[in-house]
Amino acid sequence: MGKHRRPGPSNQPSRAVPRVDADDPLAAYNKRRRPPMDLYRRHRPVHGGAGHLRPDEPRVLEEWTGFAYEVVGTAPSLAAAQEWGNELQIGDDSAT
């Protein structure tokens, strides 16, 4: 428990952002275009509040455009929103 210990479970990867490549002239620009916490799709309750409460209420679906999250639709429940969020795979071309 040193004072510089990374918080969180030891079996999860670090959330630290990789350093900028000095040889790539667009590296700093590409770093700024990454979504927060690498979430390309997210869902929010329509009426606000905690996401895990009221699972039967509709959700707003948002996708990362490279600059901000944009609303792309709605889902009727939490389960449908989570299914939509898990559709995007890491190697998918629409994530870039």
PDB file of N, CA and C in Angstrom:
ATOM      1  N   MET A   1       0.830  -1.187   0.000  1.00  0.00           N
ATOM      2  CA  MET A   1       0.000   0.000   0.000  1.00  0.00           C
ATOM      3  C   MET A   1       0.877   1.254   0.000  1.00  0.00           C
ATOM      4  N   GLY A   2       1.741   1.374  -0.973  1.00  0.00           N
ATOM      5  CA  GLY A   2       2.546   2.575  -1.071  1.00  0.00           C
ATOM      6  C   GLY A   2       1.709   3.763  -1.480  1.00  0.00           C
ATOM      7  N   LYS A   3       2.234   4.941  -1.333  1.00  0.00           N
ATOM      8  CA  LYS A   3       1.429   6.120  -1.629  1.00  0.00           C
ATOM      9  C   LYS A   3       1.256   6.351  -3.133  1.00  0.00           C
ATOM     10  N   HIS A   4       2.010   5.661  -3.979  1.00  0.00           N
ATOM     11  CA  HIS A   4       1.862   5.808  -5.426  1.00  0.00           C
ATOM     12  C   HIS A   4       1.177   4.595  -6.055  1.00  0.00           C
ATOM     13  N   ARG A   5       0.516   3.807  -5.261  1.00  0.00           N
ATOM     14  CA  ARG A   5      -0.141   2.599  -5.759  1.00  0.00           C
ATOM     15  C   ARG A   5      -1.354   2.972  -6.602  1.00  0.00           C
ATOM     16  N   ARG A   6      -1.533   2.283  -7.724  1.00  0.00           N
ATOM     17  CA  ARG A   6      -2.685   2.528  -8.599  1.00  0.00           C
ATOM     18  C   ARG A   6      -3.938   1.984  -7.927  1.00  0.00           C
ATOM     19  N   PRO A   7      -5.026   2.781  -7.857  1.00  0.00           N
ATOM     20  CA  PRO A   7      -6.249   2.285  -7.244  1.00  0.00           C
ATOM     21  C   PRO A   7      -6.931   1.252  -8.129  1.00  0.00           C
ATOM     22  N   GLY A   8      -7.716   0.404  -7.521  1.00  0.00           N
ATOM     23  CA  GLY A   8      -8.471  -0.582  -8.267  1.00  0.00           C
ATOM     24  C   GLY A   8      -7.900  -1.975  -8.110  1.00  0.00           C
ATOM     25  N   PRO A   9      -8.634  -2.962  -8.610  1.00  0.00           N
ATOM     26  CA  PRO A   9      -8.178  -4.348  -8.497  1.00  0.00           C
ATOM     27  C   PRO A   9      -6.889  -4.590  -9.273  1.00  0.00           C
ATOM     28  N   SER A  10      -6.090  -5.497  -8.751  1.00  0.00           N
ATOM     29  CA  SER A  10      -4.794  -5.766  -9.384  1.00  0.00           C
ATOM     30  C   SER A  10      -4.932  -6.567 -10.671  1.00  0.00           C
ATOM     31  N   ASN A  11      -6.095  -7.180 -10.920  1.00  0.00           N
ATOM     32  CA  ASN A  11      -6.249  -7.987 -12.124  1.00  0.00           C
ATOM     33  C   ASN A  11      -6.790  -7.185 -13.306  1.00  0.00           C
ATOM     34  N   GLN A  12      -6.976  -5.880 -13.154  1.00  0.00           N
ATOM     35  CA  GLN A  12      -7.441  -5.041 -14.251  1.00  0.00           C
ATOM     36  C   GLN A  12      -6.285  -4.241 -14.821  1.00  0.00           C
ATOM     37  N   PRO A  13      -6.298  -4.002 -16.145  1.00  0.00           N
ATOM     38  CA  PRO A  13      -5.209  -3.224 -16.742  1.00  0.00           C
ATOM     39  C   PRO A  13      -5.258  -1.765 -16.295  1.00  0.00           C
ATOM     40  N   SER A  14      -4.146  -1.124 -16.378  1.00  0.00           N
ATOM     41  CA  SER A  14      -4.060   0.285 -16.014  1.00  0.00           C
ATOM     42  C   SER A  14      -4.860   1.132 -16.986  1.00  0.00           C
ATOM     43  N   ARG A  15      -5.459   2.193 -16.493  1.00  0.00           N
ATOM     44  CA  ARG A  15      -6.218   3.103 -17.350  1.00  0.00           C
ATOM     45  C   ARG A  15      -5.356   4.261 -17.839  1.00  0.00           C
ATOM     46  N   ALA A  16      -4.075   4.186 -17.575  1.00  0.00           N
ATOM     47  CA  ALA A  16      -3.171   5.246 -17.986  1.00  0.00           C
ATOM     48  C   ALA A  16      -3.124   5.339 -19.505  1.00  0.00           C
ATOM     49  N   VAL A  17      -3.075   6.546 -20.012  1.00  0.00           N
ATOM     50  CA  VAL A  17      -3.042   6.787 -21.450  1.00  0.00           C
ATOM     51  C   VAL A  17      -1.609   6.589 -21.934  1.00  0.00           C
ATOM     52  N   PRO A  18      -1.412   5.858 -23.038  1.00  0.00           N
ATOM     53  CA  PRO A  18      -0.048   5.671 -23.534  1.00  0.00           C
ATOM     54  C   PRO A  18       0.593   6.994 -23.945  1.00  0.00           C
ATOM     55  N   ARG A  19       1.889   7.040 -23.879  1.00  0.00           N
ATOM     56  CA  ARG A  19       2.623   8.259 -24.239  1.00  0.00           C
ATOM     57  C   ARG A  19       2.480   8.557 -25.738  1.00  0.00           C
ATOM     58  N   VAL A  20       2.684   9.810 -26.092  1.00  0.00           N
ATOM     59  CA  VAL A  20       2.579  10.250 -27.479  1.00  0.00           C
ATOM     60  C   VAL A  20       3.829   9.826 -28.234  1.00  0.00           C
ATOM     61  N   ASP A  21       3.650   9.241 -29.423  1.00  0.00           N
ATOM     62  CA  ASP A  21       4.759   8.804 -30.261  1.00  0.00           C
ATOM     63  C   ASP A  21       5.415  10.027 -30.903  1.00  0.00           C
ATOM     64  N   ALA A  22       6.694  10.228 -30.666  1.00  0.00           N
ATOM     65  CA  ALA A  22       7.404  11.403 -31.170  1.00  0.00           C
ATOM     66  C   ALA A  22       7.554  11.377 -32.691  1.00  0.00           C
ATOM     67  N   ASP A  23       7.522  10.195 -33.312  1.00  0.00           N
ATOM     68  CA  ASP A  23       7.700  10.089 -34.758  1.00  0.00           C
ATOM     69  C   ASP A  23       6.414  10.341 -35.537  1.00  0.00           C
ATOM     70  N   ASP A  24       5.285  10.292 -34.890  1.00  0.00           N
ATOM     71  CA  ASP A  24       4.003  10.479 -35.552  1.00  0.00           C
ATOM     72  C   ASP A  24       3.551  11.937 -35.388  1.00  0.00           C
ATOM     73  N   PRO A  25       3.448  12.712 -36.472  1.00  0.00           N
ATOM     74  CA  PRO A  25       3.075  14.123 -36.338  1.00  0.00           C
ATOM     75  C   PRO A  25       1.633  14.317 -35.870  1.00  0.00           C
ATOM     76  N   LEU A  26       0.774  13.318 -36.048  1.00  0.00           N
ATOM     77  CA  LEU A  26      -0.627  13.449 -35.632  1.00  0.00           C
ATOM     78  C   LEU A  26      -0.924  12.734 -34.315  1.00  0.00           C
ATOM     79  N   ALA A  27       0.103  12.309 -33.600  1.00  0.00           N
ATOM     80  CA  ALA A  27      -0.106  11.529 -32.383  1.00  0.00           C
ATOM     81  C   ALA A  27      -0.870  12.315 -31.316  1.00  0.00           C
ATOM     82  N   ALA A  28      -0.529  13.570 -31.107  1.00  0.00           N
ATOM     83  CA  ALA A  28      -1.225  14.367 -30.088  1.00  0.00           C
ATOM     84  C   ALA A  28      -2.683  14.585 -30.477  1.00  0.00           C
ATOM     85  N   TYR A  29      -2.935  14.798 -31.747  1.00  0.00           N
ATOM     86  CA  TYR A  29      -4.305  14.973 -32.236  1.00  0.00           C
ATOM     87  C   TYR A  29      -5.114  13.691 -32.038  1.00  0.00           C
ATOM     88  N   ASN A  30      -4.535  12.552 -32.397  1.00  0.00           N
ATOM     89  CA  ASN A  30      -5.229  11.274 -32.233  1.00  0.00           C
ATOM     90  C   ASN A  30      -5.490  10.966 -30.766  1.00  0.00           C
ATOM     91  N   LYS A  31      -4.587  11.353 -29.890  1.00  0.00           N
ATOM     92  CA  LYS A  31      -4.765  11.126 -28.455  1.00  0.00           C
ATOM     93  C   LYS A  31      -5.968  11.915 -27.940  1.00  0.00           C
ATOM     94  N   ARG A  32      -6.134  13.144 -28.426  1.00  0.00           N
ATOM     95  CA  ARG A  32      -7.267  13.970 -27.983  1.00  0.00           C
ATOM     96  C   ARG A  32      -8.595  13.444 -28.504  1.00  0.00           C
ATOM     97  N   ARG A  33      -8.580  12.690 -29.609  1.00  0.00           N
ATOM     98  CA  ARG A  33      -9.818  12.187 -30.196  1.00  0.00           C
ATOM     99  C   ARG A  33     -10.295  10.893 -29.571  1.00  0.00           C
ATOM    100  N   ARG A  34      -9.538  10.316 -28.664  1.00  0.00           N
ATOM    101  CA  ARG A  34      -9.977   9.096 -27.987  1.00  0.00           C
ATOM    102  C   ARG A  34     -11.121   9.420 -27.049  1.00  0.00           C
ATOM    103  N   PRO A  35     -12.112   8.548 -26.954  1.00  0.00           N
ATOM    104  CA  PRO A  35     -13.218   8.806 -26.034  1.00  0.00           C
ATOM    105  C   PRO A  35     -12.783   8.632 -24.584  1.00  0.00           C
ATOM    106  N   PRO A  36     -13.477   9.275 -23.668  1.00  0.00           N
ATOM    107  CA  PRO A  36     -13.155   9.088 -22.255  1.00  0.00           C
ATOM    108  C   PRO A  36     -13.305   7.615 -21.866  1.00  0.00           C
ATOM    109  N   MET A  37     -12.327   7.067 -21.194  1.00  0.00           N
ATOM    110  CA  MET A  37     -12.336   5.678 -20.723  1.00  0.00           C
ATOM    111  C   MET A  37     -12.521   4.682 -21.864  1.00  0.00           C
ATOM    112  N   ASP A  38     -12.225   5.063 -23.087  1.00  0.00           N
ATOM    113  CA  ASP A  38     -12.319   4.184 -24.262  1.00  0.00           C
ATOM    114  C   ASP A  38     -13.704   3.585 -24.446  1.00  0.00           C
ATOM    115  N   LEU A  39     -14.744   4.326 -24.132  1.00  0.00           N
ATOM    116  CA  LEU A  39     -16.122   3.887 -24.354  1.00  0.00           C
ATOM    117  C   LEU A  39     -16.636   4.551 -25.624  1.00  0.00           C
ATOM    118  N   TYR A  40     -16.774   3.765 -26.692  1.00  0.00           N
ATOM    119  CA  TYR A  40     -17.271   4.312 -27.950  1.00  0.00           C
ATOM    120  C   TYR A  40     -18.784   4.389 -27.972  1.00  0.00           C
ATOM    121  N   ARG A  41     -19.446   3.576 -27.165  1.00  0.00           N
ATOM    122  CA  ARG A  41     -20.906   3.605 -27.049  1.00  0.00           C
ATOM    123  C   ARG A  41     -21.272   3.653 -25.574  1.00  0.00           C
ATOM    124  N   ARG A  42     -22.271   4.466 -25.244  1.00  0.00           N
ATOM    125  CA  ARG A  42     -22.752   4.503 -23.872  1.00  0.00           C
ATOM    126  C   ARG A  42     -24.252   4.737 -23.872  1.00  0.00           C
ATOM    127  N   HIS A  43     -24.877   4.449 -22.757  1.00  0.00           N
ATOM    128  CA  HIS A  43     -26.311   4.675 -22.617  1.00  0.00           C
ATOM    129  C   HIS A  43     -26.574   5.374 -21.300  1.00  0.00           C
ATOM    130  N   ARG A  44     -27.578   6.253 -21.307  1.00  0.00           N
ATOM    131  CA  ARG A  44     -27.945   7.040 -20.135  1.00  0.00           C
ATOM    132  C   ARG A  44     -29.453   6.956 -19.923  1.00  0.00           C
ATOM    133  N   PRO A  45     -29.926   6.992 -18.683  1.00  0.00           N
ATOM    134  CA  PRO A  45     -31.368   7.038 -18.452  1.00  0.00           C
ATOM    135  C   PRO A  45     -31.958   8.325 -19.033  1.00  0.00           C
ATOM    136  N   VAL A  46     -33.137   8.229 -19.636  1.00  0.00           N
ATOM    137  CA  VAL A  46     -33.767   9.393 -20.264  1.00  0.00           C
ATOM    138  C   VAL A  46     -34.024  10.502 -19.245  1.00  0.00           C
ATOM    139  N   HIS A  47     -34.464  10.143 -18.059  1.00  0.00           N
ATOM    140  CA  HIS A  47     -34.837  11.140 -17.057  1.00  0.00           C
ATOM    141  C   HIS A  47     -33.735  11.387 -16.039  1.00  0.00           C
ATOM    142  N   GLY A  48     -32.521  10.950 -16.334  1.00  0.00           N
ATOM    143  CA  GLY A  48     -31.394  11.179 -15.438  1.00  0.00           C
ATOM    144  C   GLY A  48     -31.368  10.189 -14.290  1.00  0.00           C
ATOM    145  N   GLY A  49     -30.426  10.368 -13.411  1.00  0.00           N
ATOM    146  CA  GLY A  49     -30.288   9.489 -12.268  1.00  0.00           C
ATOM    147  C   GLY A  49     -29.273   8.391 -12.519  1.00  0.00           C
ATOM    148  N   ALA A  50     -29.201   7.477 -11.580  1.00  0.00           N
ATOM    149  CA  ALA A  50     -28.241   6.378 -11.666  1.00  0.00           C
ATOM    150  C   ALA A  50     -28.656   5.385 -12.745  1.00  0.00           C
ATOM    151  N   GLY A  51     -27.699   4.864 -13.466  1.00  0.00           N
ATOM    152  CA  GLY A  51     -27.980   3.975 -14.586  1.00  0.00           C
ATOM    153  C   GLY A  51     -28.523   2.615 -14.199  1.00  0.00           C
ATOM    154  N   HIS A  52     -28.234   2.168 -12.973  1.00  0.00           N
ATOM    155  CA  HIS A  52     -28.669   0.835 -12.569  1.00  0.00           C
ATOM    156  C   HIS A  52     -30.063   0.841 -11.934  1.00  0.00           C
ATOM    157  N   LEU A  53     -30.585   2.013 -11.634  1.00  0.00           N
ATOM    158  CA  LEU A  53     -31.912   2.104 -11.041  1.00  0.00           C
ATOM    159  C   LEU A  53     -32.982   2.133 -12.125  1.00  0.00           C
ATOM    160  N   ARG A  54     -34.163   1.647 -11.812  1.00  0.00           N
ATOM    161  CA  ARG A  54     -35.313   1.633 -12.726  1.00  0.00           C
ATOM    162  C   ARG A  54     -34.925   1.012 -14.075  1.00  0.00           C
ATOM    163  N   PRO A  55     -34.601  -0.283 -14.113  1.00  0.00           N
ATOM    164  CA  PRO A  55     -34.131  -0.922 -15.348  1.00  0.00           C
ATOM    165  C   PRO A  55     -35.181  -1.003 -16.453  1.00  0.00           C
ATOM    166  N   ASP A  56     -36.440  -0.758 -16.137  1.00  0.00           N
ATOM    167  CA  ASP A  56     -37.484  -0.833 -17.164  1.00  0.00           C
ATOM    168  C   ASP A  56     -37.747   0.495 -17.863  1.00  0.00           C
ATOM    169  N   GLU A  57     -37.055   1.563 -17.466  1.00  0.00           N
ATOM    170  CA  GLU A  57     -37.250   2.863 -18.105  1.00  0.00           C
ATOM    171  C   GLU A  57     -36.386   2.978 -19.360  1.00  0.00           C
ATOM    172  N   PRO A  58     -36.784   3.830 -20.316  1.00  0.00           N
ATOM    173  CA  PRO A  58     -36.018   3.978 -21.568  1.00  0.00           C
ATOM    174  C   PRO A  58     -34.642   4.610 -21.344  1.00  0.00           C
ATOM    175  N   ARG A  59     -33.738   4.344 -22.283  1.00  0.00           N
ATOM    176  CA  ARG A  59     -32.358   4.852 -22.234  1.00  0.00           C
ATOM    177  C   ARG A  59     -32.035   5.592 -23.519  1.00  0.00           C
ATOM    178  N   VAL A  60     -31.189   6.598 -23.400  1.00  0.00           N
ATOM    179  CA  VAL A  60     -30.673   7.326 -24.561  1.00  0.00           C
ATOM    180  C   VAL A  60     -29.366   6.653 -24.960  1.00  0.00           C
ATOM    181  N   LEU A  61     -29.221   6.333 -26.242  1.00  0.00           N
ATOM    182  CA  LEU A  61     -28.019   5.681 -26.756  1.00  0.00           C
ATOM    183  C   LEU A  61     -27.119   6.725 -27.399  1.00  0.00           C
ATOM    184  N   GLU A  62     -25.836   6.724 -27.031  1.00  0.00           N
ATOM    185  CA  GLU A  62     -24.889   7.713 -27.541  1.00  0.00           C
ATOM    186  C   GLU A  62     -23.655   7.009 -28.096  1.00  0.00           C
ATOM    187  N   GLU A  63     -23.098   7.576 -29.185  1.00  0.00           N
ATOM    188  CA  GLU A  63     -21.854   7.070 -29.786  1.00  0.00           C
ATOM    189  C   GLU A  63     -20.826   8.185 -29.851  1.00  0.00           C
ATOM    190  N   TRP A  64     -19.568   7.809 -29.710  1.00  0.00           N
ATOM    191  CA  TRP A  64     -18.451   8.754 -29.796  1.00  0.00           C
ATOM    192  C   TRP A  64     -18.162   9.050 -31.257  1.00  0.00           C
ATOM    193  N   THR A  65     -18.118  10.332 -31.643  1.00  0.00           N
ATOM    194  CA  THR A  65     -17.879  10.728 -33.034  1.00  0.00           C
ATOM    195  C   THR A  65     -16.433  11.120 -33.294  1.00  0.00           C
ATOM    196  N   GLY A  66     -15.621  11.141 -32.282  1.00  0.00           N
ATOM    197  CA  GLY A  66     -14.249  11.597 -32.426  1.00  0.00           C
ATOM    198  C   GLY A  66     -14.046  12.932 -31.739  1.00  0.00           C
ATOM    199  N   PHE A  67     -15.134  13.598 -31.415  1.00  0.00           N
ATOM    200  CA  PHE A  67     -15.062  14.889 -30.729  1.00  0.00           C
ATOM    201  C   PHE A  67     -15.996  14.949 -29.527  1.00  0.00           C
ATOM    202  N   ALA A  68     -17.142  14.277 -29.613  1.00  0.00           N
ATOM    203  CA  ALA A  68     -18.134  14.297 -28.540  1.00  0.00           C
ATOM    204  C   ALA A  68     -19.076  13.112 -28.718  1.00  0.00           C
ATOM    205  N   TYR A  69     -19.891  12.862 -27.708  1.00  0.00           N
ATOM    206  CA  TYR A  69     -20.920  11.833 -27.818  1.00  0.00           C
ATOM    207  C   TYR A  69     -22.138  12.431 -28.506  1.00  0.00           C
ATOM    208  N   GLU A  70     -22.707  11.683 -29.464  1.00  0.00           N
ATOM    209  CA  GLU A  70     -23.919  12.095 -30.180  1.00  0.00           C
ATOM    210  C   GLU A  70     -25.024  11.096 -29.918  1.00  0.00           C
ATOM    211  N   VAL A  71     -26.232  11.599 -29.738  1.00  0.00           N
ATOM    212  CA  VAL A  71     -27.385  10.727 -29.539  1.00  0.00           C
ATOM    213  C   VAL A  71     -27.710  10.039 -30.860  1.00  0.00           C
ATOM    214  N   VAL A  72     -27.841   8.706 -30.831  1.00  0.00           N
ATOM    215  CA  VAL A  72     -28.136   7.942 -32.043  1.00  0.00           C
ATOM    216  C   VAL A  72     -29.444   7.180 -31.938  1.00  0.00           C
ATOM    217  N   GLY A  73     -30.084   7.206 -30.785  1.00  0.00           N
ATOM    218  CA  GLY A  73     -31.360   6.506 -30.650  1.00  0.00           C
ATOM    219  C   GLY A  73     -31.746   6.312 -29.206  1.00  0.00           C
ATOM    220  N   THR A  74     -32.760   5.464 -29.007  1.00  0.00           N
ATOM    221  CA  THR A  74     -33.220   5.129 -27.670  1.00  0.00           C
ATOM    222  C   THR A  74     -33.401   3.624 -27.555  1.00  0.00           C
ATOM    223  N   ALA A  75     -33.412   3.149 -26.337  1.00  0.00           N
ATOM    224  CA  ALA A  75     -33.666   1.740 -26.053  1.00  0.00           C
ATOM    225  C   ALA A  75     -34.790   1.674 -25.021  1.00  0.00           C
ATOM    226  N   PRO A  76     -35.653   0.676 -25.111  1.00  0.00           N
ATOM    227  CA  PRO A  76     -36.800   0.611 -24.196  1.00  0.00           C
ATOM    228  C   PRO A  76     -36.449   0.223 -22.765  1.00  0.00           C
ATOM    229  N   SER A  77     -35.281  -0.391 -22.543  1.00  0.00           N
ATOM    230  CA  SER A  77     -34.927  -0.841 -21.196  1.00  0.00           C
ATOM    231  C   SER A  77     -33.412  -0.898 -21.041  1.00  0.00           C
ATOM    232  N   LEU A  78     -32.988  -1.130 -19.808  1.00  0.00           N
ATOM    233  CA  LEU A  78     -31.562  -1.250 -19.520  1.00  0.00           C
ATOM    234  C   LEU A  78     -30.951  -2.448 -20.238  1.00  0.00           C
ATOM    235  N   ALA A  79     -31.648  -3.574 -20.264  1.00  0.00           N
ATOM    236  CA  ALA A  79     -31.122  -4.781 -20.915  1.00  0.00           C
ATOM    237  C   ALA A  79     -30.899  -4.549 -22.410  1.00  0.00           C
ATOM    238  N   ALA A  80     -31.843  -3.883 -23.071  1.00  0.00           N
ATOM    239  CA  ALA A  80     -31.687  -3.595 -24.503  1.00  0.00           C
ATOM    240  C   ALA A  80     -30.537  -2.627 -24.741  1.00  0.00           C
ATOM    241  N   ALA A  81     -30.366  -1.646 -23.861  1.00  0.00           N
ATOM    242  CA  ALA A  81     -29.266  -0.681 -24.000  1.00  0.00           C
ATOM    243  C   ALA A  81     -27.921  -1.362 -23.802  1.00  0.00           C
ATOM    244  N   GLN A  82     -27.822  -2.269 -22.845  1.00  0.00           N
ATOM    245  CA  GLN A  82     -26.563  -2.985 -22.629  1.00  0.00           C
ATOM    246  C   GLN A  82     -26.241  -3.895 -23.801  1.00  0.00           C
ATOM    247  N   GLU A  83     -27.239  -4.508 -24.380  1.00  0.00           N
ATOM    248  CA  GLU A  83     -27.024  -5.352 -25.562  1.00  0.00           C
ATOM    249  C   GLU A  83     -26.501  -4.519 -26.722  1.00  0.00           C
ATOM    250  N   TRP A  84     -27.076  -3.334 -26.927  1.00  0.00           N
ATOM    251  CA  TRP A  84     -26.620  -2.428 -27.987  1.00  0.00           C
ATOM    252  C   TRP A  84     -25.174  -1.997 -27.730  1.00  0.00           C
ATOM    253  N   GLY A  85     -24.849  -1.680 -26.488  1.00  0.00           N
ATOM    254  CA  GLY A  85     -23.493  -1.239 -26.162  1.00  0.00           C
ATOM    255  C   GLY A  85     -22.455  -2.321 -26.357  1.00  0.00           C
ATOM    256  N   ASN A  86     -22.847  -3.576 -26.194  1.00  0.00           N
ATOM    257  CA  ASN A  86     -21.907  -4.693 -26.334  1.00  0.00           C
ATOM    258  C   ASN A  86     -21.776  -5.186 -27.765  1.00  0.00           C
ATOM    259  N   GLU A  87     -22.579  -4.677 -28.696  1.00  0.00           N
ATOM    260  CA  GLU A  87     -22.498  -5.100 -30.098  1.00  0.00           C
ATOM    261  C   GLU A  87     -21.191  -4.693 -30.745  1.00  0.00           C
ATOM    262  N   LEU A  88     -20.664  -3.537 -30.395  1.00  0.00           N
ATOM    263  CA  LEU A  88     -19.453  -3.009 -31.017  1.00  0.00           C
ATOM    264  C   LEU A  88     -18.241  -3.798 -30.539  1.00  0.00           C
ATOM    265  N   GLN A  89     -17.550  -4.393 -31.455  1.00  0.00           N
ATOM    266  CA  GLN A  89     -16.360  -5.168 -31.120  1.00  0.00           C
ATOM    267  C   GLN A  89     -15.123  -4.285 -31.243  1.00  0.00           C
ATOM    268  N   ILE A  90     -14.036  -4.664 -30.608  1.00  0.00           N
ATOM    269  CA  ILE A  90     -12.830  -3.856 -30.587  1.00  0.00           C
ATOM    270  C   ILE A  90     -12.236  -3.681 -31.971  1.00  0.00           C
ATOM    271  N   GLY A  91     -12.268  -4.664 -32.815  1.00  0.00           N
ATOM    272  CA  GLY A  91     -11.688  -4.566 -34.149  1.00  0.00           C
ATOM    273  C   GLY A  91     -12.627  -3.975 -35.192  1.00  0.00           C
ATOM    274  N   ASP A  92     -13.789  -3.502 -34.793  1.00  0.00           N
ATOM    275  CA  ASP A  92     -14.795  -2.985 -35.725  1.00  0.00           C
ATOM    276  C   ASP A  92     -14.319  -1.670 -36.340  1.00  0.00           C
ATOM    277  N   ASP A  93     -14.563  -1.479 -37.639  1.00  0.00           N
ATOM    278  CA  ASP A  93     -14.129  -0.266 -38.327  1.00  0.00           C
ATOM    279  C   ASP A  93     -14.915   0.963 -37.905  1.00  0.00           C
ATOM    280  N   SER A  94     -16.134   0.820 -37.415  1.00  0.00           N
ATOM    281  CA  SER A  94     -16.945   1.980 -37.055  1.00  0.00           C
ATOM    282  C   SER A  94     -16.449   2.639 -35.783  1.00  0.00           C
ATOM    283  N   ALA A  95     -15.530   2.030 -35.060  1.00  0.00           N
ATOM    284  CA  ALA A  95     -15.022   2.608 -33.835  1.00  0.00           C
ATOM    285  C   ALA A  95     -13.889   3.621 -34.084  1.00  0.00           C
ATOM    286  N   THR A  96     -13.420   3.733 -35.293  1.00  0.00           N
ATOM    287  CA  THR A  96     -12.307   4.641 -35.545  1.00  0.00           C
ATOM    288  C   THR A  96     -12.736   5.939 -36.131  1.00  0.00           C
TER     289      THR A  96
END
